[in-house]
Amino acid sequence: RNKESAFDDLIDYVKFLKLQLKVLSESRLDGEETDHRFVHVEGYGHYLLHPQMSAEPLGEMMGQLMESNMQVANQLLESKGIALFPLEFAYTLLRSS
């Protein structure tokens, strides 16, 4: 398989992921209307809903929230359909499937 074909597949996959992100963000926001589009923050690997939001890496923002108030961090993640599990539990699930 040549490099050109691999790059074409990669580009198609990135387009697919962008579409998935759009659909998921709309469903996670419960159809909330907004004038702002998600903005990809290059080098940080996350998207901002509003330009005024912090440009700090998302992982660091969540880490600070988890350190200061784990219950609120869990509620935020759960409201977006995300759940945190202990790593051992994830490995157990992986092995059982």
PDB file of N, CA and C in Angstrom:
ATOM      1  N   ARG A   1       0.849  -1.183   0.000  1.00  0.00           N
ATOM      2  CA  ARG A   1       0.000   0.000   0.000  1.00  0.00           C
ATOM      3  C   ARG A   1       0.892   1.242   0.000  1.00  0.00           C
ATOM      4  N   ASN A   2       0.595   2.186  -0.882  1.00  0.00           N
ATOM      5  CA  ASN A   2       1.483   3.336  -0.988  1.00  0.00           C
ATOM      6  C   ASN A   2       1.094   4.452  -0.022  1.00  0.00           C
ATOM      7  N   LYS A   3       2.008   5.404   0.136  1.00  0.00           N
ATOM      8  CA  LYS A   3       1.799   6.507   1.078  1.00  0.00           C
ATOM      9  C   LYS A   3       0.614   7.379   0.687  1.00  0.00           C
ATOM     10  N   GLU A   4       0.429   7.602  -0.605  1.00  0.00           N
ATOM     11  CA  GLU A   4      -0.673   8.454  -1.064  1.00  0.00           C
ATOM     12  C   GLU A   4      -2.024   7.866  -0.656  1.00  0.00           C
ATOM     13  N   SER A   5      -2.159   6.578  -0.824  1.00  0.00           N
ATOM     14  CA  SER A   5      -3.400   5.909  -0.438  1.00  0.00           C
ATOM     15  C   SER A   5      -3.614   5.984   1.073  1.00  0.00           C
ATOM     16  N   ALA A   6      -2.544   5.818   1.827  1.00  0.00           N
ATOM     17  CA  ALA A   6      -2.641   5.900   3.287  1.00  0.00           C
ATOM     18  C   ALA A   6      -3.055   7.303   3.718  1.00  0.00           C
ATOM     19  N   PHE A   7      -2.493   8.328   3.081  1.00  0.00           N
ATOM     20  CA  PHE A   7      -2.868   9.706   3.411  1.00  0.00           C
ATOM     21  C   PHE A   7      -4.325   9.990   3.048  1.00  0.00           C
ATOM     22  N   ASP A   8      -4.777   9.460   1.918  1.00  0.00           N
ATOM     23  CA  ASP A   8      -6.181   9.633   1.536  1.00  0.00           C
ATOM     24  C   ASP A   8      -7.108   9.007   2.575  1.00  0.00           C
ATOM     25  N   ASP A   9      -6.749   7.810   3.036  1.00  0.00           N
ATOM     26  CA  ASP A   9      -7.547   7.155   4.076  1.00  0.00           C
ATOM     27  C   ASP A   9      -7.538   7.969   5.362  1.00  0.00           C
ATOM     28  N   LEU A  10      -6.385   8.508   5.702  1.00  0.00           N
ATOM     29  CA  LEU A  10      -6.264   9.318   6.913  1.00  0.00           C
ATOM     30  C   LEU A  10      -7.120  10.577   6.819  1.00  0.00           C
ATOM     31  N   ILE A  11      -7.110  11.228   5.675  1.00  0.00           N
ATOM     32  CA  ILE A  11      -7.919  12.436   5.472  1.00  0.00           C
ATOM     33  C   ILE A  11      -9.403  12.102   5.583  1.00  0.00           C
ATOM     34  N   ASP A  12      -9.819  11.004   4.967  1.00  0.00           N
ATOM     35  CA  ASP A  12     -11.222  10.584   5.069  1.00  0.00           C
ATOM     36  C   ASP A  12     -11.607  10.295   6.514  1.00  0.00           C
ATOM     37  N   TYR A  13     -10.702   9.673   7.263  1.00  0.00           N
ATOM     38  CA  TYR A  13     -10.982   9.350   8.657  1.00  0.00           C
ATOM     39  C   TYR A  13     -11.100  10.626   9.499  1.00  0.00           C
ATOM     40  N   VAL A  14     -10.246  11.597   9.254  1.00  0.00           N
ATOM     41  CA  VAL A  14     -10.317  12.871   9.983  1.00  0.00           C
ATOM     42  C   VAL A  14     -11.638  13.574   9.679  1.00  0.00           C
ATOM     43  N   LYS A  15     -12.066  13.547   8.422  1.00  0.00           N
ATOM     44  CA  LYS A  15     -13.361  14.144   8.068  1.00  0.00           C
ATOM     45  C   LYS A  15     -14.497  13.437   8.804  1.00  0.00           C
ATOM     46  N   PHE A  16     -14.422  12.114   8.877  1.00  0.00           N
ATOM     47  CA  PHE A  16     -15.426  11.339   9.594  1.00  0.00           C
ATOM     48  C   PHE A  16     -15.442  11.712  11.077  1.00  0.00           C
ATOM     49  N   LEU A  17     -14.263  11.846  11.677  1.00  0.00           N
ATOM     50  CA  LEU A  17     -14.183  12.213  13.094  1.00  0.00           C
ATOM     51  C   LEU A  17     -14.746  13.608  13.346  1.00  0.00           C
ATOM     52  N   LYS A  18     -14.493  14.535  12.424  1.00  0.00           N
ATOM     53  CA  LYS A  18     -15.049  15.886  12.568  1.00  0.00           C
ATOM     54  C   LYS A  18     -16.576  15.850  12.535  1.00  0.00           C
ATOM     55  N   LEU A  19     -17.123  15.029  11.645  1.00  0.00           N
ATOM     56  CA  LEU A  19     -18.576  14.889  11.571  1.00  0.00           C
ATOM     57  C   LEU A  19     -19.114  14.275  12.858  1.00  0.00           C
ATOM     58  N   GLN A  20     -18.437  13.252  13.371  1.00  0.00           N
ATOM     59  CA  GLN A  20     -18.858  12.636  14.630  1.00  0.00           C
ATOM     60  C   GLN A  20     -18.828  13.654  15.764  1.00  0.00           C
ATOM     61  N   LEU A  21     -17.782  14.462  15.814  1.00  0.00           N
ATOM     62  CA  LEU A  21     -17.668  15.483  16.854  1.00  0.00           C
ATOM     63  C   LEU A  21     -18.830  16.459  16.777  1.00  0.00           C
ATOM     64  N   LYS A  22     -19.190  16.846  15.568  1.00  0.00           N
ATOM     65  CA  LYS A  22     -20.305  17.778  15.395  1.00  0.00           C
ATOM     66  C   LYS A  22     -21.606  17.157  15.899  1.00  0.00           C
ATOM     67  N   VAL A  23     -21.867  15.925  15.501  1.00  0.00           N
ATOM     68  CA  VAL A  23     -23.103  15.254  15.908  1.00  0.00           C
ATOM     69  C   VAL A  23     -23.126  15.041  17.415  1.00  0.00           C
ATOM     70  N   LEU A  24     -22.025  14.581  17.978  1.00  0.00           N
ATOM     71  CA  LEU A  24     -21.971  14.340  19.418  1.00  0.00           C
ATOM     72  C   LEU A  24     -22.104  15.629  20.210  1.00  0.00           C
ATOM     73  N   SER A  25     -21.463  16.692  19.742  1.00  0.00           N
ATOM     74  CA  SER A  25     -21.548  17.951  20.483  1.00  0.00           C
ATOM     75  C   SER A  25     -22.964  18.496  20.456  1.00  0.00           C
ATOM     76  N   GLU A  26     -23.663  18.315  19.346  1.00  0.00           N
ATOM     77  CA  GLU A  26     -25.052  18.775  19.281  1.00  0.00           C
ATOM     78  C   GLU A  26     -25.925  17.966  20.232  1.00  0.00           C
ATOM     79  N   SER A  27     -25.725  16.652  20.274  1.00  0.00           N
ATOM     80  CA  SER A  27     -26.560  15.830  21.154  1.00  0.00           C
ATOM     81  C   SER A  27     -26.197  16.052  22.617  1.00  0.00           C
ATOM     82  N   ARG A  28     -24.934  16.276  22.925  1.00  0.00           N
ATOM     83  CA  ARG A  28     -24.505  16.491  24.310  1.00  0.00           C
ATOM     84  C   ARG A  28     -24.956  17.854  24.824  1.00  0.00           C
ATOM     85  N   LEU A  29     -25.136  18.787  23.919  1.00  0.00           N
ATOM     86  CA  LEU A  29     -25.585  20.119  24.325  1.00  0.00           C
ATOM     87  C   LEU A  29     -27.103  20.204  24.327  1.00  0.00           C
ATOM     88  N   ASP A  30     -27.762  19.066  24.121  1.00  0.00           N
ATOM     89  CA  ASP A  30     -29.225  18.993  24.121  1.00  0.00           C
ATOM     90  C   ASP A  30     -29.858  19.999  23.171  1.00  0.00           C
ATOM     91  N   GLY A  31     -29.246  20.169  22.012  1.00  0.00           N
ATOM     92  CA  GLY A  31     -29.816  21.062  21.012  1.00  0.00           C
ATOM     93  C   GLY A  31     -29.717  22.525  21.374  1.00  0.00           C
ATOM     94  N   GLU A  32     -28.869  22.848  22.347  1.00  0.00           N
ATOM     95  CA  GLU A  32     -28.698  24.234  22.769  1.00  0.00           C
ATOM     96  C   GLU A  32     -28.261  25.083  21.578  1.00  0.00           C
ATOM     97  N   GLU A  33     -29.002  26.128  21.320  1.00  0.00           N
ATOM     98  CA  GLU A  33     -28.643  26.994  20.215  1.00  0.00           C
ATOM     99  C   GLU A  33     -27.491  27.887  20.637  1.00  0.00           C
ATOM    100  N   THR A  34     -26.581  28.108  19.726  1.00  0.00           N
ATOM    101  CA  THR A  34     -25.435  28.949  20.034  1.00  0.00           C
ATOM    102  C   THR A  34     -25.000  29.698  18.791  1.00  0.00           C
ATOM    103  N   ASP A  35     -24.460  30.875  19.009  1.00  0.00           N
ATOM    104  CA  ASP A  35     -23.919  31.652  17.897  1.00  0.00           C
ATOM    105  C   ASP A  35     -22.471  31.280  17.638  1.00  0.00           C
ATOM    106  N   HIS A  36     -21.885  30.508  18.549  1.00  0.00           N
ATOM    107  CA  HIS A  36     -20.472  30.167  18.446  1.00  0.00           C
ATOM    108  C   HIS A  36     -20.319  28.745  17.937  1.00  0.00           C
ATOM    109  N   ARG A  37     -19.387  28.567  17.050  1.00  0.00           N
ATOM    110  CA  ARG A  37     -19.062  27.229  16.580  1.00  0.00           C
ATOM    111  C   ARG A  37     -17.895  26.715  17.409  1.00  0.00           C
ATOM    112  N   PHE A  38     -17.732  25.395  17.452  1.00  0.00           N
ATOM    113  CA  PHE A  38     -16.574  24.853  18.134  1.00  0.00           C
ATOM    114  C   PHE A  38     -15.320  25.276  17.380  1.00  0.00           C
ATOM    115  N   VAL A  39     -14.306  25.671  18.113  1.00  0.00           N
ATOM    116  CA  VAL A  39     -13.053  26.115  17.525  1.00  0.00           C
ATOM    117  C   VAL A  39     -11.971  25.143  17.968  1.00  0.00           C
ATOM    118  N   HIS A  40     -11.277  24.542  17.011  1.00  0.00           N
ATOM    119  CA  HIS A  40     -10.204  23.619  17.360  1.00  0.00           C
ATOM    120  C   HIS A  40      -9.000  24.423  17.810  1.00  0.00           C
ATOM    121  N   VAL A  41      -8.435  24.046  18.952  1.00  0.00           N
ATOM    122  CA  VAL A  41      -7.253  24.715  19.475  1.00  0.00           C
ATOM    123  C   VAL A  41      -6.053  23.869  19.081  1.00  0.00           C
ATOM    124  N   GLU A  42      -5.318  24.347  18.105  1.00  0.00           N
ATOM    125  CA  GLU A  42      -4.192  23.607  17.563  1.00  0.00           C
ATOM    126  C   GLU A  42      -3.162  23.322  18.654  1.00  0.00           C
ATOM    127  N   GLY A  43      -2.734  22.081  18.725  1.00  0.00           N
ATOM    128  CA  GLY A  43      -1.713  21.703  19.688  1.00  0.00           C
ATOM    129  C   GLY A  43      -2.258  21.338  21.056  1.00  0.00           C
ATOM    130  N   TYR A  44      -3.530  21.614  21.296  1.00  0.00           N
ATOM    131  CA  TYR A  44      -4.107  21.286  22.594  1.00  0.00           C
ATOM    132  C   TYR A  44      -5.012  20.067  22.510  1.00  0.00           C
ATOM    133  N   GLY A  45      -5.496  19.721  21.329  1.00  0.00           N
ATOM    134  CA  GLY A  45      -6.312  18.532  21.160  1.00  0.00           C
ATOM    135  C   GLY A  45      -7.712  18.644  21.713  1.00  0.00           C
ATOM    136  N   HIS A  46      -8.233  19.861  21.806  1.00  0.00           N
ATOM    137  CA  HIS A  46      -9.620  19.993  22.239  1.00  0.00           C
ATOM    138  C   HIS A  46     -10.268  21.174  21.540  1.00  0.00           C
ATOM    139  N   TYR A  47     -11.555  21.290  21.737  1.00  0.00           N
ATOM    140  CA  TYR A  47     -12.345  22.311  21.078  1.00  0.00           C
ATOM    141  C   TYR A  47     -12.939  23.247  22.119  1.00  0.00           C
ATOM    142  N   LEU A  48     -13.093  24.504  21.742  1.00  0.00           N
ATOM    143  CA  LEU A  48     -13.715  25.497  22.607  1.00  0.00           C
ATOM    144  C   LEU A  48     -15.068  25.862  22.033  1.00  0.00           C
ATOM    145  N   LEU A  49     -16.061  26.012  22.901  1.00  0.00           N
ATOM    146  CA  LEU A  49     -17.378  26.409  22.440  1.00  0.00           C
ATOM    147  C   LEU A  49     -17.440  27.913  22.244  1.00  0.00           C
ATOM    148  N   HIS A  50     -16.876  28.652  23.165  1.00  0.00           N
ATOM    149  CA  HIS A  50     -16.884  30.110  23.088  1.00  0.00           C
ATOM    150  C   HIS A  50     -15.447  30.603  22.985  1.00  0.00           C
ATOM    151  N   PRO A  51     -15.195  31.603  22.147  1.00  0.00           N
ATOM    152  CA  PRO A  51     -13.835  32.122  22.022  1.00  0.00           C
ATOM    153  C   PRO A  51     -13.290  32.663  23.343  1.00  0.00           C
ATOM    154  N   GLN A  52     -14.160  33.058  24.279  1.00  0.00           N
ATOM    155  CA  GLN A  52     -13.712  33.624  25.544  1.00  0.00           C
ATOM    156  C   GLN A  52     -13.242  32.549  26.528  1.00  0.00           C
ATOM    157  N   MET A  53     -13.452  31.279  26.205  1.00  0.00           N
ATOM    158  CA  MET A  53     -13.064  30.208  27.118  1.00  0.00           C
ATOM    159  C   MET A  53     -11.549  30.142  27.227  1.00  0.00           C
ATOM    160  N   SER A  54     -11.094  29.561  28.312  1.00  0.00           N
ATOM    161  CA  SER A  54      -9.664  29.415  28.552  1.00  0.00           C
ATOM    162  C   SER A  54      -9.021  28.587  27.448  1.00  0.00           C
ATOM    163  N   ALA A  55      -7.831  28.983  27.049  1.00  0.00           N
ATOM    164  CA  ALA A  55      -7.106  28.229  26.029  1.00  0.00           C
ATOM    165  C   ALA A  55      -6.165  27.221  26.681  1.00  0.00           C
ATOM    166  N   GLU A  56      -6.315  27.037  27.987  1.00  0.00           N
ATOM    167  CA  GLU A  56      -5.513  26.055  28.706  1.00  0.00           C
ATOM    168  C   GLU A  56      -5.893  24.661  28.208  1.00  0.00           C
ATOM    169  N   PRO A  57      -4.926  23.746  28.104  1.00  0.00           N
ATOM    170  CA  PRO A  57      -5.262  22.398  27.641  1.00  0.00           C
ATOM    171  C   PRO A  57      -6.387  21.782  28.468  1.00  0.00           C
ATOM    172  N   LEU A  58      -7.313  21.125  27.789  1.00  0.00           N
ATOM    173  CA  LEU A  58      -8.487  20.549  28.438  1.00  0.00           C
ATOM    174  C   LEU A  58      -8.101  19.580  29.548  1.00  0.00           C
ATOM    175  N   GLY A  59      -7.091  18.790  29.315  1.00  0.00           N
ATOM    176  CA  GLY A  59      -6.648  17.843  30.339  1.00  0.00           C
ATOM    177  C   GLY A  59      -6.233  18.541  31.617  1.00  0.00           C
ATOM    178  N   GLU A  60      -5.545  19.675  31.475  1.00  0.00           N
ATOM    179  CA  GLU A  60      -5.120  20.429  32.656  1.00  0.00           C
ATOM    180  C   GLU A  60      -6.317  21.049  33.366  1.00  0.00           C
ATOM    181  N   MET A  61      -7.284  21.573  32.597  1.00  0.00           N
ATOM    182  CA  MET A  61      -8.475  22.159  33.217  1.00  0.00           C
ATOM    183  C   MET A  61      -9.240  21.099  34.000  1.00  0.00           C
ATOM    184  N   MET A  62      -9.422  19.921  33.403  1.00  0.00           N
ATOM    185  CA  MET A  62     -10.142  18.854  34.096  1.00  0.00           C
ATOM    186  C   MET A  62      -9.343  18.357  35.294  1.00  0.00           C
ATOM    187  N   GLY A  63      -8.030  18.296  35.159  1.00  0.00           N
ATOM    188  CA  GLY A  63      -7.184  17.880  36.279  1.00  0.00           C
ATOM    189  C   GLY A  63      -7.327  18.810  37.466  1.00  0.00           C
ATOM    190  N   GLN A  64      -7.345  20.121  37.200  1.00  0.00           N
ATOM    191  CA  GLN A  64      -7.517  21.099  38.274  1.00  0.00           C
ATOM    192  C   GLN A  64      -8.889  20.953  38.914  1.00  0.00           C
ATOM    193  N   LEU A  65      -9.918  20.752  38.101  1.00  0.00           N
ATOM    194  CA  LEU A  65     -11.263  20.581  38.641  1.00  0.00           C
ATOM    195  C   LEU A  65     -11.344  19.312  39.484  1.00  0.00           C
ATOM    196  N   MET A  66     -10.707  18.234  39.015  1.00  0.00           N
ATOM    197  CA  MET A  66     -10.731  16.981  39.766  1.00  0.00           C
ATOM    198  C   MET A  66      -9.998  17.120  41.096  1.00  0.00           C
ATOM    199  N   GLU A  67      -8.908  17.892  41.109  1.00  0.00           N
ATOM    200  CA  GLU A  67      -8.169  18.106  42.351  1.00  0.00           C
ATOM    201  C   GLU A  67      -8.967  18.950  43.333  1.00  0.00           C
ATOM    202  N   SER A  68      -9.671  19.952  42.818  1.00  0.00           N
ATOM    203  CA  SER A  68     -10.386  20.866  43.707  1.00  0.00           C
ATOM    204  C   SER A  68     -11.747  20.327  44.126  1.00  0.00           C
ATOM    205  N   ASN A  69     -12.453  19.621  43.226  1.00  0.00           N
ATOM    206  CA  ASN A  69     -13.784  19.129  43.572  1.00  0.00           C
ATOM    207  C   ASN A  69     -14.136  17.951  42.662  1.00  0.00           C
ATOM    208  N   MET A  70     -13.774  16.764  43.111  1.00  0.00           N
ATOM    209  CA  MET A  70     -13.971  15.561  42.298  1.00  0.00           C
ATOM    210  C   MET A  70     -15.446  15.311  41.998  1.00  0.00           C
ATOM    211  N   GLN A  71     -16.317  15.604  42.939  1.00  0.00           N
ATOM    212  CA  GLN A  71     -17.749  15.369  42.737  1.00  0.00           C
ATOM    213  C   GLN A  71     -18.280  16.231  41.592  1.00  0.00           C
ATOM    214  N   VAL A  72     -17.893  17.495  41.551  1.00  0.00           N
ATOM    215  CA  VAL A  72     -18.331  18.388  40.471  1.00  0.00           C
ATOM    216  C   VAL A  72     -17.745  17.925  39.140  1.00  0.00           C
ATOM    217  N   ALA A  73     -16.483  17.490  39.150  1.00  0.00           N
ATOM    218  CA  ALA A  73     -15.856  16.992  37.920  1.00  0.00           C
ATOM    219  C   ALA A  73     -16.623  15.781  37.388  1.00  0.00           C
ATOM    220  N   ASN A  74     -16.986  14.853  38.276  1.00  0.00           N
ATOM    221  CA  ASN A  74     -17.763  13.678  37.859  1.00  0.00           C
ATOM    222  C   ASN A  74     -19.125  14.075  37.320  1.00  0.00           C
ATOM    223  N   GLN A  75     -19.787  15.030  37.976  1.00  0.00           N
ATOM    224  CA  GLN A  75     -21.098  15.483  37.506  1.00  0.00           C
ATOM    225  C   GLN A  75     -20.993  16.107  36.120  1.00  0.00           C
ATOM    226  N   LEU A  76     -19.950  16.906  35.903  1.00  0.00           N
ATOM    227  CA  LEU A  76     -19.743  17.529  34.594  1.00  0.00           C
ATOM    228  C   LEU A  76     -19.552  16.460  33.524  1.00  0.00           C
ATOM    229  N   LEU A  77     -18.693  15.499  33.793  1.00  0.00           N
ATOM    230  CA  LEU A  77     -18.447  14.438  32.819  1.00  0.00           C
ATOM    231  C   LEU A  77     -19.700  13.609  32.574  1.00  0.00           C
ATOM    232  N   GLU A  78     -20.409  13.258  33.634  1.00  0.00           N
ATOM    233  CA  GLU A  78     -21.630  12.461  33.486  1.00  0.00           C
ATOM    234  C   GLU A  78     -22.700  13.216  32.709  1.00  0.00           C
ATOM    235  N   SER A  79     -22.758  14.536  32.873  1.00  0.00           N
ATOM    236  CA  SER A  79     -23.751  15.319  32.128  1.00  0.00           C
ATOM    237  C   SER A  79     -23.471  15.296  30.631  1.00  0.00           C
ATOM    238  N   LYS A  80     -22.234  14.988  30.267  1.00  0.00           N
ATOM    239  CA  LYS A  80     -21.850  14.895  28.858  1.00  0.00           C
ATOM    240  C   LYS A  80     -21.805  13.444  28.381  1.00  0.00           C
ATOM    241  N   GLY A  81     -22.276  12.526  29.240  1.00  0.00           N
ATOM    242  CA  GLY A  81     -22.312  11.119  28.848  1.00  0.00           C
ATOM    243  C   GLY A  81     -20.990  10.407  28.997  1.00  0.00           C
ATOM    244  N   ILE A  82     -20.115  10.918  29.853  1.00  0.00           N
ATOM    245  CA  ILE A  82     -18.794  10.328  30.056  1.00  0.00           C
ATOM    246  C   ILE A  82     -18.708   9.858  31.503  1.00  0.00           C
ATOM    247  N   ALA A  83     -18.129   8.699  31.717  1.00  0.00           N
ATOM    248  CA  ALA A  83     -17.975   8.183  33.070  1.00  0.00           C
ATOM    249  C   ALA A  83     -16.523   7.802  33.311  1.00  0.00           C
ATOM    250  N   LEU A  84     -16.056   8.030  34.529  1.00  0.00           N
ATOM    251  CA  LEU A  84     -14.707   7.637  34.922  1.00  0.00           C
ATOM    252  C   LEU A  84     -14.772   6.313  35.660  1.00  0.00           C
ATOM    253  N   PHE A  85     -13.871   5.409  35.308  1.00  0.00           N
ATOM    254  CA  PHE A  85     -13.781   4.121  35.971  1.00  0.00           C
ATOM    255  C   PHE A  85     -12.342   3.913  36.405  1.00  0.00           C
ATOM    256  N   PRO A  86     -12.138   3.150  37.476  1.00  0.00           N
ATOM    257  CA  PRO A  86     -10.761   2.789  37.834  1.00  0.00           C
ATOM    258  C   PRO A  86     -10.127   2.009  36.686  1.00  0.00           C
ATOM    259  N   LEU A  87      -8.849   2.188  36.491  1.00  0.00           N
ATOM    260  CA  LEU A  87      -8.144   1.547  35.389  1.00  0.00           C
ATOM    261  C   LEU A  87      -8.268   0.023  35.455  1.00  0.00           C
ATOM    262  N   GLU A  88      -8.230  -0.538  36.658  1.00  0.00           N
ATOM    263  CA  GLU A  88      -8.356  -1.990  36.798  1.00  0.00           C
ATOM    264  C   GLU A  88      -9.696  -2.471  36.238  1.00  0.00           C
ATOM    265  N   PHE A  89     -10.757  -1.696  36.461  1.00  0.00           N
ATOM    266  CA  PHE A  89     -12.079  -2.049  35.949  1.00  0.00           C
ATOM    267  C   PHE A  89     -12.080  -2.028  34.420  1.00  0.00           C
ATOM    268  N   ALA A  90     -11.417  -1.035  33.836  1.00  0.00           N
ATOM    269  CA  ALA A  90     -11.345  -0.946  32.374  1.00  0.00           C
ATOM    270  C   ALA A  90     -10.623  -2.164  31.802  1.00  0.00           C
ATOM    271  N   TYR A  91      -9.530  -2.587  32.448  1.00  0.00           N
ATOM    272  CA  TYR A  91      -8.806  -3.772  31.979  1.00  0.00           C
ATOM    273  C   TYR A  91      -9.671  -5.026  32.098  1.00  0.00           C
ATOM    274  N   THR A  92     -10.442  -5.113  33.184  1.00  0.00           N
ATOM    275  CA  THR A  92     -11.328  -6.261  33.366  1.00  0.00           C
ATOM    276  C   THR A  92     -12.374  -6.309  32.258  1.00  0.00           C
ATOM    277  N   LEU A  93     -12.955  -5.154  31.944  1.00  0.00           N
ATOM    278  CA  LEU A  93     -13.939  -5.094  30.855  1.00  0.00           C
ATOM    279  C   LEU A  93     -13.313  -5.481  29.525  1.00  0.00           C
ATOM    280  N   LEU A  94     -12.106  -5.006  29.286  1.00  0.00           N
ATOM    281  CA  LEU A  94     -11.418  -5.298  28.033  1.00  0.00           C
ATOM    282  C   LEU A  94     -11.160  -6.796  27.895  1.00  0.00           C
ATOM    283  N   ARG A  95     -10.720  -7.426  28.965  1.00  0.00           N
ATOM    284  CA  ARG A  95     -10.426  -8.856  28.920  1.00  0.00           C
ATOM    285  C   ARG A  95     -11.681  -9.703  28.765  1.00  0.00           C
ATOM    286  N   SER A  96     -12.802  -9.234  29.316  1.00  0.00           N
ATOM    287  CA  SER A  96     -14.027 -10.034  29.276  1.00  0.00           C
ATOM    288  C   SER A  96     -14.752  -9.947  27.940  1.00  0.00           C
ATOM    289  N   SER A  97     -14.400  -8.977  27.106  1.00  0.00           N
ATOM    290  CA  SER A  97     -15.108  -8.845  25.823  1.00  0.00           C
ATOM    291  C   SER A  97     -14.349  -9.450  24.683  1.00  0.00           C
TER     292      SER A  97
END
